[in-house]
Protein backbone atom coordinates (compact mmCIF):
# COMPACT_ATOMS: atom_id res chain seq x y z
CA UNK A 1 0.27 -0.17 0.14
CA UNK A 2 2.62 2.48 0.95
CA UNK A 3 4.74 1.76 -2.34
CA UNK A 4 1.79 1.89 -4.16
CA UNK A 5 -0.45 4.78 -3.09
CA UNK A 6 2.24 6.64 -1.29
CA UNK A 7 0.43 6.18 2.13
CA UNK A 8 1.36 4.55 5.18
CA UNK A 9 -1.15 1.86 7.29
CA UNK A 10 -2.27 4.57 9.59
CA UNK A 11 -2.30 7.28 7.08
CA UNK A 12 -4.40 5.17 4.94
CA UNK A 13 -6.79 3.93 7.64
CA UNK A 14 -7.19 7.13 8.64
CA UNK A 15 -8.27 8.86 5.03
CA UNK A 16 -10.78 5.79 4.94
CA UNK A 17 -12.59 6.46 8.04
CA UNK A 18 -13.04 9.93 7.43
CA UNK A 19 -14.43 9.16 3.80
CA UNK A 20 -17.07 6.68 5.72
CA UNK A 21 -18.71 9.28 7.69
CA UNK A 22 -15.87 9.35 10.56
CA UNK A 23 -14.76 13.00 9.95
CA UNK A 24 -16.25 14.33 13.25
CA UNK A 25 -13.32 12.22 14.72
CA UNK A 26 -11.50 15.18 13.94
CA UNK A 27 -14.02 17.65 15.17
CA UNK A 28 -14.59 16.15 18.13
CA UNK A 29 -10.78 15.23 19.04
CA UNK A 30 -8.45 17.46 21.23
CA UNK A 31 -5.91 19.71 20.03
CA UNK A 32 -2.98 16.84 20.15
CA UNK A 33 -5.07 13.93 18.73
CA UNK A 34 -6.30 16.17 15.95
CA UNK A 35 -3.11 16.89 15.19
CA UNK A 36 -1.98 13.14 15.12
CA UNK A 37 -4.84 12.65 13.16
CA UNK A 38 -4.04 15.28 10.31
CA UNK A 39 -0.33 13.99 10.24
CA UNK A 40 -1.40 10.69 9.47
CA UNK A 41 -3.71 11.41 6.72
CA UNK A 42 -0.94 13.79 5.15
CA UNK A 43 1.59 11.71 5.77
CA UNK A 44 3.58 14.19 7.20
CA UNK A 45 6.54 12.06 8.21
CA UNK A 46 7.99 12.19 4.68
CA UNK A 47 7.78 16.11 5.03
CA UNK A 48 9.64 16.24 8.53
CA UNK A 49 12.41 13.82 7.47
CA UNK A 50 13.02 16.32 4.51
CA UNK A 51 12.85 19.37 6.74
CA UNK A 52 15.27 17.55 8.91
CA UNK A 53 17.65 16.78 6.04
CA UNK A 54 17.27 20.25 5.34
CA UNK A 55 18.04 21.64 8.13
CA UNK A 56 21.13 19.44 8.44
CA UNK A 57 22.88 20.34 5.22
CA UNK A 58 22.03 24.20 6.09
CA UNK A 59 24.09 23.78 9.28
CA UNK A 60 26.68 22.24 7.23
CA UNK A 61 26.90 24.67 4.99
CA UNK A 62 27.03 27.29 7.29
CA UNK A 63 29.84 25.71 9.56
CA UNK A 64 31.66 25.61 6.07
CA UNK A 65 31.32 29.26 5.82
CA UNK A 66 32.54 30.23 8.96
CA UNK A 67 35.87 28.29 8.19
CA UNK A 68 36.13 29.65 5.24
CA UNK A 69 35.97 33.68 6.29
CA UNK A 70 38.96 33.59 8.11
CA UNK A 71 41.10 32.02 5.35
CA UNK A 72 39.76 34.88 3.20
CA UNK A 73 40.44 37.64 5.58
CA UNK A 74 43.90 36.11 6.00
């Protein structure tokens, strides 16, 4: 399922339940539970992993730039 449609089991189950009339589950859920349900539906894990990779690459580039500045001024 994940390979075919790009959704993990939890995300698929949550989206199917919403389509079967259980949309009120999101409305009646508390803030934390609602956020977790929405994250499952959109498959946020992939975006979070991508975001982390971007932040790591940014830190590496920033560190490299900082190490190059003294060489430039010297």
